[in-house]
Amino acid sequence: MEALGKTEEEPKQTCIIFSKERRREAIEKARHLRNEGKQVVLQDLQGVESVDQLSETFEDVIYFIGKKKGEGVNE
């Protein structure tokens, strides 16, 4: 196929990178996107050496990192 100039396109994927504080939110977003028929990869931030390098391999990247807005220390 490659010799004919035709290559099979890989499916477009979304990566959701999350921190432990926002894990549940990231999983819910992934579930929502998958219900729409999209391919989604969930990635814990702790397992990433280079966020920039990882981000380049996906069509779309969504970040759930740090505390959610409005969350206080004692909440």
Protein backbone atom coordinates (compact mmCIF):
# COMPACT_ATOMS: atom_id res chain seq x y z
CA MET A 1 0.00 0.00 0.00
CA GLU A 2 2.76 2.44 0.85
CA ALA A 3 4.43 1.87 -2.52
CA LEU A 4 1.20 2.89 -4.22
CA GLY A 5 1.15 6.12 -2.27
CA LYS A 6 -1.78 5.02 -0.15
CA THR A 7 -1.35 4.72 3.53
CA GLU A 8 -3.98 3.75 5.98
CA GLU A 9 -4.73 6.66 8.27
CA GLU A 10 -4.59 5.88 11.94
CA PRO A 11 -7.74 6.77 13.82
CA LYS A 12 -7.62 10.17 15.44
CA GLN A 13 -7.24 9.91 19.19
CA THR A 14 -7.71 12.22 22.13
CA CYS A 15 -5.45 11.98 25.14
CA ILE A 16 -6.63 13.07 28.57
CA ILE A 17 -3.75 13.81 30.93
CA PHE A 18 -4.79 14.05 34.56
CA SER A 19 -3.41 14.55 38.03
CA LYS A 20 -4.59 12.44 40.96
CA GLU A 21 -6.83 15.25 42.25
CA ARG A 22 -8.84 15.28 39.02
CA ARG A 23 -8.82 11.59 38.12
CA ARG A 24 -12.58 11.14 38.51
CA GLU A 25 -13.30 14.18 36.34
CA ALA A 26 -10.94 12.88 33.63
CA ILE A 27 -12.61 9.47 33.63
CA GLU A 28 -16.04 11.08 33.26
CA LYS A 29 -14.82 13.17 30.31
CA ALA A 30 -13.32 10.09 28.68
CA ARG A 31 -16.59 8.22 29.12
CA HIS A 32 -18.50 11.09 27.52
CA LEU A 33 -16.15 11.27 24.52
CA ARG A 34 -16.20 7.50 24.05
CA ASN A 35 -20.01 7.58 24.04
CA GLU A 36 -19.67 10.01 21.13
CA GLY A 37 -17.59 7.38 19.30
CA LYS A 38 -14.18 8.95 19.87
CA GLN A 39 -11.05 7.04 20.78
CA VAL A 40 -9.64 8.26 24.08
CA VAL A 41 -6.46 7.46 25.98
CA LEU A 42 -6.31 8.30 29.70
CA GLN A 43 -2.84 9.10 31.04
CA ASP A 44 -1.89 9.81 34.66
CA LEU A 45 0.50 12.78 34.77
CA GLN A 46 2.81 10.89 37.14
CA GLY A 47 3.60 8.40 34.38
CA VAL A 48 4.70 11.04 31.86
CA GLU A 49 8.33 12.00 31.35
CA SER A 50 7.65 14.67 28.74
CA VAL A 51 4.17 16.15 28.44
CA ASP A 52 5.18 17.98 25.26
CA GLN A 53 6.44 14.81 23.59
CA LEU A 54 3.34 12.86 24.58
CA SER A 55 1.04 15.65 23.41
CA GLU A 56 2.57 15.62 19.93
CA THR A 57 1.40 12.05 19.32
CA PHE A 58 -2.31 12.85 19.65
CA GLU A 59 -4.69 14.96 17.62
CA ASP A 60 -6.24 16.50 20.72
CA VAL A 61 -5.05 16.69 24.32
CA ILE A 62 -7.21 17.61 27.30
CA TYR A 63 -5.63 18.43 30.65
CA PHE A 64 -7.19 17.83 34.07
CA ILE A 65 -4.32 18.96 36.27
CA GLY A 66 -4.29 20.51 39.72
CA LYS A 67 -7.22 21.44 41.87
CA LYS A 68 -10.54 22.16 40.25
CA LYS A 69 -11.51 25.84 40.35
CA GLY A 70 -13.35 26.65 43.53
CA GLU A 71 -11.77 23.83 45.53
CA GLY A 72 -10.28 25.01 48.77
CA VAL A 73 -7.87 23.31 51.09
CA ASN A 74 -10.60 22.39 53.57
CA GLU A 75 -13.29 21.30 51.12
